[in-house]
């Protein structure tokens, strides 16, 4: 992380929190580089510089949430523009495009982006960008970032990658040809379920200037206290993700052999269709595991009986969370479309934390079989 203002003078290891709305100018015609915290804040600037460096981009930008970051990105486009978007993506992104931006004439085609040929077929004269979520939420499909980015570049399109599940620790889309990366920093980057935040990284100076204009104009910026929390979380990102990924791999293998489980979605399993591709383009397989049970009653039983694992929204924190996507994160998608995609009433999503893996397995087992076990 870049040193904050004053940090280099005091030797403080923790970046200062500049809890201020405005800044005093030395005199007329002179500036400290800061005037109003919507336009720039020293604490936020450290976070923004840090994420840009981690992703290898020209500029980073911090927002009040991941959805605020995505909204800011979509303001790059205008009425009549067309986007190609991953079909089985986070429900909030679907809602933003389908219910909000559609009112202003921005069209989106939802495509299985794990198949580059389907992406190519969806390109129209009006297409301006391809928005990839890879691996997808919650089905963990994997898109070929390099191949799709090259295709987009030939057509003069932008490639945007939601890298929330992987973070720059495991996957760096800009190095594979993407133009923009977006994160819900609430998740793995912050990592402690105690802050809501979003981040964007732009590959080029030109894109960075456009994003900054939108960030400053719209004003959905991250406050200094929350910026500090994300910075603090990012300091332990590698240690946390190593443990979480190791736990996820063990749990995915255990679930794959359980008689109550019909199917497991985790790219770390060799049977996963995206296993080899993700192994090639990322430094690990991540900490999210989805699994389909034999019937809805089994899913409800698990949610009601887990003890160490929490039935809660979100993902990416040090605590293991379990979610029912069809009724929580993806409820805004039409039920028939959800069923077609495989986001059905038997599918559960695990965000694996850093707890002892044997304790997590014991909790899942007692919830699956309905027997009381202390964990």
Protein backbone atom coordinates (compact mmCIF):
# COMPACT_ATOMS: atom_id res chain seq x y z
CA UNK A 1 0.00 0.00 0.00
CA UNK A 2 1.14 3.55 -0.72
CA UNK A 3 1.87 5.66 2.34
CA UNK A 4 -0.89 7.98 3.43
CA UNK A 5 -0.43 11.69 3.99
CA UNK A 6 1.33 12.09 7.35
CA UNK A 7 2.18 8.40 7.61
CA UNK A 8 5.65 8.95 6.17
CA UNK A 9 6.25 11.72 8.74
CA UNK A 10 5.18 9.80 11.84
CA UNK A 11 6.23 6.26 10.95
CA UNK A 12 2.72 4.97 11.74
CA UNK A 13 2.19 1.45 10.39
CA UNK A 14 -1.57 1.96 10.17
CA UNK A 15 -2.79 4.39 7.55
CA UNK A 16 -4.52 7.43 9.13
CA UNK A 17 -8.28 7.84 8.83
CA UNK A 18 -8.92 11.31 7.42
CA UNK A 19 -12.42 11.75 8.79
CA UNK A 20 -13.04 15.08 7.12
CA UNK A 21 -15.43 16.40 4.50
CA UNK A 22 -13.31 19.33 3.37
CA UNK A 23 -9.71 20.56 3.29
CA UNK A 24 -8.21 24.00 3.92
CA UNK A 25 -6.18 25.55 1.09
CA UNK A 26 -2.79 27.08 2.06
CA UNK A 27 -3.68 30.25 0.13
CA UNK A 28 -5.37 31.37 -3.09
CA UNK A 29 -3.98 29.45 -6.04
CA UNK A 30 -2.38 26.72 -3.92
CA UNK A 31 -3.72 23.31 -2.97
CA UNK A 32 -2.68 20.32 -0.89
CA UNK A 33 -4.08 18.12 -3.66
CA UNK A 34 -7.36 17.69 -1.78
CA UNK A 35 -10.36 19.98 -1.50
CA UNK A 36 -13.52 17.93 -0.81
CA UNK A 37 -13.76 14.26 0.16
CA UNK A 38 -16.18 13.35 -2.62
CA UNK A 39 -13.46 14.31 -5.09
CA UNK A 40 -10.64 12.71 -3.13
CA UNK A 41 -9.72 11.67 0.39
CA UNK A 42 -6.21 10.59 1.50
CA UNK A 43 -7.41 7.39 3.16
CA UNK A 44 -9.53 6.43 0.18
CA UNK A 45 -6.66 7.33 -2.15
CA UNK A 46 -4.40 4.78 -0.45
CA UNK A 47 -7.00 2.08 -1.04
CA UNK A 48 -7.54 3.15 -4.65
CA UNK A 49 -3.82 3.24 -5.38
CA UNK A 50 -3.35 -0.11 -3.71
CA UNK A 51 -6.01 -1.98 -5.70
CA UNK A 52 -4.74 -0.44 -8.95
CA UNK A 53 -1.24 -1.73 -8.19
CA UNK A 54 -2.48 -5.19 -7.27
CA UNK A 55 -4.44 -5.46 -10.53
CA UNK A 56 -1.81 -3.76 -12.69
CA UNK A 57 -4.13 -0.91 -13.72
CA UNK A 58 -3.76 2.81 -14.33
CA UNK A 59 -6.33 3.84 -11.73
CA UNK A 60 -8.47 2.48 -8.91
CA UNK A 61 -11.78 3.83 -7.56
CA UNK A 62 -13.66 3.05 -4.35
CA UNK A 63 -17.43 3.14 -3.88
CA UNK A 64 -20.04 2.76 -1.19
CA UNK A 65 -20.91 -0.77 -2.39
CA UNK A 66 -20.26 -3.23 -5.18
CA UNK A 67 -23.57 -2.23 -6.77
CA UNK A 68 -22.55 1.43 -6.64
CA UNK A 69 -19.35 0.49 -8.47
CA UNK A 70 -21.29 -1.42 -11.14
CA UNK A 71 -23.76 1.45 -11.53
CA UNK A 72 -20.86 3.85 -12.05
CA UNK A 73 -19.43 1.53 -14.73
CA UNK A 74 -22.72 1.28 -16.58
CA UNK A 75 -22.87 5.07 -16.81
CA UNK A 76 -20.12 4.75 -19.42
CA UNK A 77 -22.87 3.69 -21.81
CA UNK A 78 -25.84 5.49 -23.35
CA UNK A 79 -29.33 4.84 -24.71
CA UNK A 80 -29.26 2.36 -27.57
CA UNK A 81 -26.04 0.67 -26.47
CA UNK A 82 -26.00 -3.10 -26.07
CA UNK A 83 -24.05 -5.23 -23.59
CA UNK A 84 -23.30 -8.95 -23.53
CA UNK A 85 -23.51 -10.21 -19.96
CA UNK A 86 -22.90 -13.52 -18.20
CA UNK A 87 -26.29 -15.21 -17.79
CA UNK A 88 -25.86 -16.94 -14.41
CA UNK A 89 -24.45 -13.96 -12.57
CA UNK A 90 -25.19 -12.32 -9.22
CA UNK A 91 -28.88 -11.50 -8.95
CA UNK A 92 -28.20 -7.89 -7.99
CA UNK A 93 -26.36 -7.29 -11.27
CA UNK A 94 -29.22 -8.87 -13.19
CA UNK A 95 -31.71 -6.63 -11.35
CA UNK A 96 -29.63 -3.53 -12.06
CA UNK A 97 -29.61 -4.23 -15.81
CA UNK A 98 -33.06 -5.74 -16.20
CA UNK A 99 -35.07 -3.44 -13.93
CA UNK A 100 -33.10 -0.17 -13.78
CA UNK A 101 -30.88 0.52 -16.78
CA UNK A 102 -33.37 -1.03 -19.21
CA UNK A 103 -35.64 1.95 -18.43
CA UNK A 104 -33.00 4.23 -19.94
CA UNK A 105 -32.52 2.30 -23.15
CA UNK A 106 -29.45 0.22 -22.26
CA UNK A 107 -29.99 -3.31 -23.57
CA UNK A 108 -28.38 -6.49 -22.27
CA UNK A 109 -28.14 -9.97 -23.74
CA UNK A 110 -27.58 -12.64 -21.09
CA UNK A 111 -25.33 -15.35 -22.51
CA UNK A 112 -23.48 -18.44 -21.30
CA UNK A 113 -20.05 -16.81 -21.35
CA UNK A 114 -18.31 -20.11 -20.61
CA UNK A 115 -18.83 -20.73 -24.36
CA UNK A 116 -16.91 -18.12 -26.43
CA UNK A 117 -18.86 -19.09 -29.56
CA UNK A 118 -22.13 -18.03 -27.93
CA UNK A 119 -20.50 -14.74 -26.96
CA UNK A 120 -19.41 -14.17 -30.57
CA UNK A 121 -22.91 -14.90 -31.86
CA UNK A 122 -24.42 -12.35 -29.47
CA UNK A 123 -22.33 -9.41 -30.77
CA UNK A 124 -24.37 -6.80 -32.67
CA UNK A 125 -23.59 -3.46 -34.25
CA UNK A 126 -24.87 -1.77 -31.09
CA UNK A 127 -22.74 -3.88 -28.73
CA UNK A 128 -20.28 -1.80 -26.71
CA UNK A 129 -19.00 -4.14 -24.01
CA UNK A 130 -18.86 -7.67 -22.63
CA UNK A 131 -19.43 -8.02 -18.88
CA UNK A 132 -18.03 -11.28 -17.53
CA UNK A 133 -18.52 -12.77 -14.11
CA UNK A 134 -16.01 -15.59 -13.76
CA UNK A 135 -16.37 -17.86 -11.91
CA UNK A 136 -20.08 -17.19 -11.90
CA UNK A 137 -22.33 -16.78 -8.90
CA UNK A 138 -23.59 -19.32 -7.86
CA UNK A 139 -22.85 -22.00 -10.49
CA UNK A 140 -19.08 -21.39 -10.73
CA UNK A 141 -18.88 -21.46 -14.54
CA UNK A 142 -15.58 -20.26 -15.95
CA UNK A 143 -15.09 -17.88 -18.88
CA UNK A 144 -11.95 -17.69 -21.00
CA UNK A 145 -10.93 -14.11 -20.21
CA UNK A 146 -8.06 -14.00 -22.71
CA UNK A 147 -10.05 -15.38 -25.65
CA UNK A 148 -13.10 -13.21 -25.02
CA UNK A 149 -10.98 -10.09 -24.42
CA UNK A 150 -9.19 -10.66 -27.76
CA UNK A 151 -12.53 -11.09 -29.49
CA UNK A 152 -13.82 -7.89 -27.91
CA UNK A 153 -10.70 -5.95 -28.86
CA UNK A 154 -11.08 -6.95 -32.53
CA UNK A 155 -14.62 -5.55 -32.47
CA UNK A 156 -13.71 -2.39 -30.55
CA UNK A 157 -15.61 -3.50 -27.43
CA UNK A 158 -14.72 -3.13 -23.77
CA UNK A 159 -14.21 -6.21 -21.62
CA UNK A 160 -15.33 -5.83 -18.00
CA UNK A 161 -14.66 -8.60 -15.47
CA UNK A 162 -16.34 -8.99 -12.10
CA UNK A 163 -13.41 -10.51 -10.22
CA UNK A 164 -15.08 -10.63 -6.79
CA UNK A 165 -14.72 -14.40 -6.27
CA UNK A 166 -11.04 -14.52 -7.23
CA UNK A 167 -9.55 -11.13 -6.24
CA UNK A 168 -6.20 -10.05 -7.75
CA UNK A 169 -4.50 -12.52 -5.42
CA UNK A 170 -5.80 -15.42 -7.54
CA UNK A 171 -6.75 -13.86 -10.89
CA UNK A 172 -5.65 -10.69 -12.71
CA UNK A 173 -8.01 -10.07 -15.67
CA UNK A 174 -6.22 -6.93 -16.89
CA UNK A 175 -3.11 -8.99 -17.62
CA UNK A 176 -5.28 -11.25 -19.81
CA UNK A 177 -6.64 -8.41 -21.92
CA UNK A 178 -9.61 -7.07 -19.94
CA UNK A 179 -10.14 -3.30 -19.80
CA UNK A 180 -11.94 -2.92 -16.47
CA UNK A 181 -12.23 -4.97 -13.29
CA UNK A 182 -14.98 -4.54 -10.70
CA UNK A 183 -15.25 -5.92 -7.17
CA UNK A 184 -17.67 -6.15 -4.37
CA UNK A 185 -14.90 -5.36 -1.88
CA UNK A 186 -17.39 -6.31 0.85
CA UNK A 187 -16.44 -9.90 0.10
CA UNK A 188 -12.93 -11.38 0.02
CA UNK A 189 -10.97 -8.14 -0.24
CA UNK A 190 -12.29 -6.74 3.06
CA UNK A 191 -12.88 -10.26 4.28
CA UNK A 192 -14.48 -9.80 7.72
CA UNK A 193 -18.18 -9.17 7.05
CA UNK A 194 -17.89 -5.74 8.68
CA UNK A 195 -17.93 -3.28 5.78
CA UNK A 196 -19.80 -2.73 2.49
CA UNK A 197 -17.65 -1.44 -0.38
CA UNK A 198 -17.01 -1.61 -4.11
CA UNK A 199 -13.91 -1.12 -6.27
CA UNK A 200 -13.14 -0.53 -9.94
CA UNK A 201 -9.75 -0.75 -11.66
CA UNK A 202 -9.17 0.72 -15.13
CA UNK A 203 -6.38 -0.57 -17.33
CA UNK A 204 -5.72 2.63 -19.31
CA UNK A 205 -5.25 6.25 -18.32
CA UNK A 206 -8.07 7.25 -20.68
CA UNK A 207 -10.55 4.89 -19.03
CA UNK A 208 -9.33 5.94 -15.59
CA UNK A 209 -10.07 9.58 -16.41
CA UNK A 210 -13.60 8.70 -17.58
CA UNK A 211 -14.27 6.63 -14.47
CA UNK A 212 -12.97 9.38 -12.17
CA UNK A 213 -15.26 11.94 -13.84
CA UNK A 214 -18.24 9.65 -13.18
CA UNK A 215 -17.14 8.85 -9.63
CA UNK A 216 -16.78 12.51 -8.72
CA UNK A 217 -19.98 13.53 -10.53
CA UNK A 218 -22.24 10.83 -9.09
CA UNK A 219 -20.63 10.81 -5.64
CA UNK A 220 -21.29 7.26 -4.41
CA UNK A 221 -17.82 7.18 -2.86
CA UNK A 222 -16.49 5.10 0.00
CA UNK A 223 -16.01 6.97 3.27
CA UNK A 224 -12.61 7.15 5.01
CA UNK A 225 -13.52 4.82 7.89
CA UNK A 226 -14.78 2.13 5.51
CA UNK A 227 -11.78 2.67 3.23
CA UNK A 228 -9.54 1.97 6.21
CA UNK A 229 -11.42 -1.24 7.00
CA UNK A 230 -10.94 -2.50 3.44
CA UNK A 231 -7.24 -1.62 3.57
CA UNK A 232 -6.92 -3.52 6.83
CA UNK A 233 -8.67 -6.54 5.35
CA UNK A 234 -6.52 -6.56 2.22
CA UNK A 235 -3.36 -6.90 4.33
CA UNK A 236 -4.36 -10.48 5.18
CA UNK A 237 -5.95 -11.37 1.82
CA UNK A 238 -3.38 -13.98 0.80
CA UNK A 239 -3.31 -15.74 4.16
CA UNK A 240 -7.09 -15.87 4.36
CA UNK A 241 -7.64 -17.05 0.79
CA UNK A 242 -5.02 -19.77 1.08
CA UNK A 243 -6.85 -21.23 4.09
CA UNK A 244 -10.31 -20.68 2.63
CA UNK A 245 -9.40 -22.30 -0.69
CA UNK A 246 -7.85 -25.29 1.07
CA UNK A 247 -10.99 -25.72 3.18
CA UNK A 248 -13.24 -25.32 0.13
CA UNK A 249 -11.35 -28.00 -1.79
CA UNK A 250 -11.76 -30.45 1.10
CA UNK A 251 -15.45 -29.68 1.57
CA UNK A 252 -16.20 -29.90 -2.16
CA UNK A 253 -14.61 -33.36 -2.33
CA UNK A 254 -16.53 -34.47 0.76
CA UNK A 255 -19.83 -33.22 -0.62
CA UNK A 256 -19.18 -34.92 -3.98
CA UNK A 257 -19.08 -38.26 -2.19
CA UNK A 258 -22.13 -37.70 0.03
CA UNK A 259 -25.26 -39.74 -0.71
CA UNK A 260 -27.57 -36.78 0.00
CA UNK A 261 -25.87 -34.57 -2.60
CA UNK A 262 -26.83 -34.77 -6.25
CA UNK A 263 -24.21 -32.45 -7.72
CA UNK A 264 -21.32 -30.21 -6.61
CA UNK A 265 -20.22 -27.03 -8.37
CA UNK A 266 -16.58 -26.23 -7.60
CA UNK A 267 -13.90 -25.63 -10.25
CA UNK A 268 -11.25 -27.21 -8.02
CA UNK A 269 -12.80 -30.63 -8.73
CA UNK A 270 -11.30 -32.30 -11.80
CA UNK A 271 -14.81 -33.21 -12.96
CA UNK A 272 -15.76 -29.51 -13.24
CA UNK A 273 -15.96 -28.36 -16.91
CA UNK A 274 -13.94 -25.24 -16.14
CA UNK A 275 -11.25 -26.93 -14.04
CA UNK A 276 -8.39 -26.84 -16.55
CA UNK A 277 -9.20 -23.33 -17.80
CA UNK A 278 -9.29 -21.83 -14.30
CA UNK A 279 -6.13 -23.73 -13.38
CA UNK A 280 -4.47 -22.01 -16.34
CA UNK A 281 -5.73 -18.46 -15.80
CA UNK A 282 -5.85 -18.27 -11.99
CA UNK A 283 -3.65 -19.06 -9.01
CA UNK A 284 -6.33 -21.08 -7.23
CA UNK A 285 -9.95 -22.16 -7.34
CA UNK A 286 -11.49 -19.88 -4.74
CA UNK A 287 -13.58 -20.45 -1.65
CA UNK A 288 -17.15 -20.68 -2.94
CA UNK A 289 -18.80 -24.09 -3.30
CA UNK A 290 -22.36 -24.67 -4.51
CA UNK A 291 -24.16 -27.98 -4.25
CA UNK A 292 -27.53 -29.40 -5.28
CA UNK A 293 -29.43 -31.71 -2.95
CA UNK A 294 -32.00 -34.35 -3.81
CA UNK A 295 -34.99 -32.25 -2.77
CA UNK A 296 -35.97 -28.87 -1.32
CA UNK A 297 -36.75 -30.33 2.11
CA UNK A 298 -33.12 -31.39 2.50
CA UNK A 299 -31.98 -27.86 1.63
CA UNK A 300 -34.32 -26.34 4.21
CA UNK A 301 -33.18 -28.87 6.81
CA UNK A 302 -29.55 -27.86 6.39
CA UNK A 303 -30.35 -24.15 6.66
CA UNK A 304 -32.32 -24.76 9.86
CA UNK A 305 -29.79 -27.07 11.50
CA UNK A 306 -26.32 -25.67 10.81
CA UNK A 307 -24.62 -24.40 13.96
CA UNK A 308 -21.04 -23.33 13.26
CA UNK A 309 -21.97 -22.31 9.72
CA UNK A 310 -24.28 -19.27 9.53
CA UNK A 311 -27.34 -19.04 7.25
CA UNK A 312 -26.71 -15.52 6.00
CA UNK A 313 -26.37 -13.30 2.94
CA UNK A 314 -23.00 -12.40 1.41
CA UNK A 315 -19.74 -14.29 1.10
CA UNK A 316 -15.98 -13.95 1.34
CA UNK A 317 -15.57 -13.38 5.07
CA UNK A 318 -13.58 -15.39 7.58
CA UNK A 319 -16.81 -17.00 8.80
CA UNK A 320 -18.40 -19.77 6.73
CA UNK A 321 -21.82 -18.74 5.39
CA UNK A 322 -24.52 -20.73 3.62
CA UNK A 323 -27.05 -19.14 1.27
CA UNK A 324 -30.20 -20.28 -0.61
CA UNK A 325 -29.70 -18.42 -3.93
CA UNK A 326 -33.17 -19.00 -5.39
CA UNK A 327 -34.76 -17.31 -2.37
CA UNK A 328 -32.08 -14.79 -1.48
CA UNK A 329 -29.44 -13.49 -3.90
CA UNK A 330 -31.25 -14.49 -7.12
CA UNK A 331 -34.90 -14.03 -6.17
CA UNK A 332 -35.42 -11.28 -8.79
CA UNK A 333 -34.74 -13.64 -11.68
CA UNK A 334 -37.85 -15.21 -13.25
CA UNK A 335 -38.48 -18.64 -11.66
CA UNK A 336 -38.54 -20.43 -15.02
CA UNK A 337 -35.26 -18.79 -16.02
CA UNK A 338 -33.72 -19.71 -12.67
CA UNK A 339 -34.75 -23.32 -13.20
CA UNK A 340 -33.28 -23.31 -16.71
CA UNK A 341 -29.99 -21.98 -15.37
CA UNK A 342 -29.91 -24.52 -12.55
CA UNK A 343 -30.51 -22.04 -9.73
CA UNK A 344 -33.29 -24.18 -8.33
CA UNK A 345 -34.88 -24.80 -4.94
CA UNK A 346 -32.35 -27.55 -4.16
CA UNK A 347 -29.21 -25.47 -4.69
CA UNK A 348 -27.21 -24.10 -1.74
CA UNK A 349 -24.08 -21.93 -1.85
CA UNK A 350 -21.28 -22.14 0.70
CA UNK A 351 -18.78 -19.36 1.24
CA UNK A 352 -16.06 -21.23 3.08
CA UNK A 353 -14.26 -19.48 5.91
CA UNK A 354 -11.07 -20.09 7.87
CA UNK A 355 -12.47 -22.33 10.61
CA UNK A 356 -11.09 -25.82 11.26
CA UNK A 357 -12.25 -27.88 8.29
CA UNK A 358 -13.12 -30.91 10.44
CA UNK A 359 -15.50 -28.74 12.47
CA UNK A 360 -17.14 -27.50 9.26
CA UNK A 361 -17.54 -31.05 7.93
CA UNK A 362 -19.05 -32.19 11.23
CA UNK A 363 -21.54 -29.34 11.10
CA UNK A 364 -22.56 -30.18 7.53
CA UNK A 365 -22.88 -33.86 8.36
CA UNK A 366 -25.14 -33.32 11.38
CA UNK A 367 -27.28 -30.93 9.34
CA UNK A 368 -27.54 -33.36 6.43
CA UNK A 369 -28.50 -36.37 8.52
CA UNK A 370 -30.53 -34.41 11.05
CA UNK A 371 -28.67 -35.67 14.10
CA UNK A 372 -27.41 -33.46 16.91
CA UNK A 373 -23.63 -33.20 16.94
CA UNK A 374 -21.62 -30.71 18.98
CA UNK A 375 -19.12 -28.69 16.93
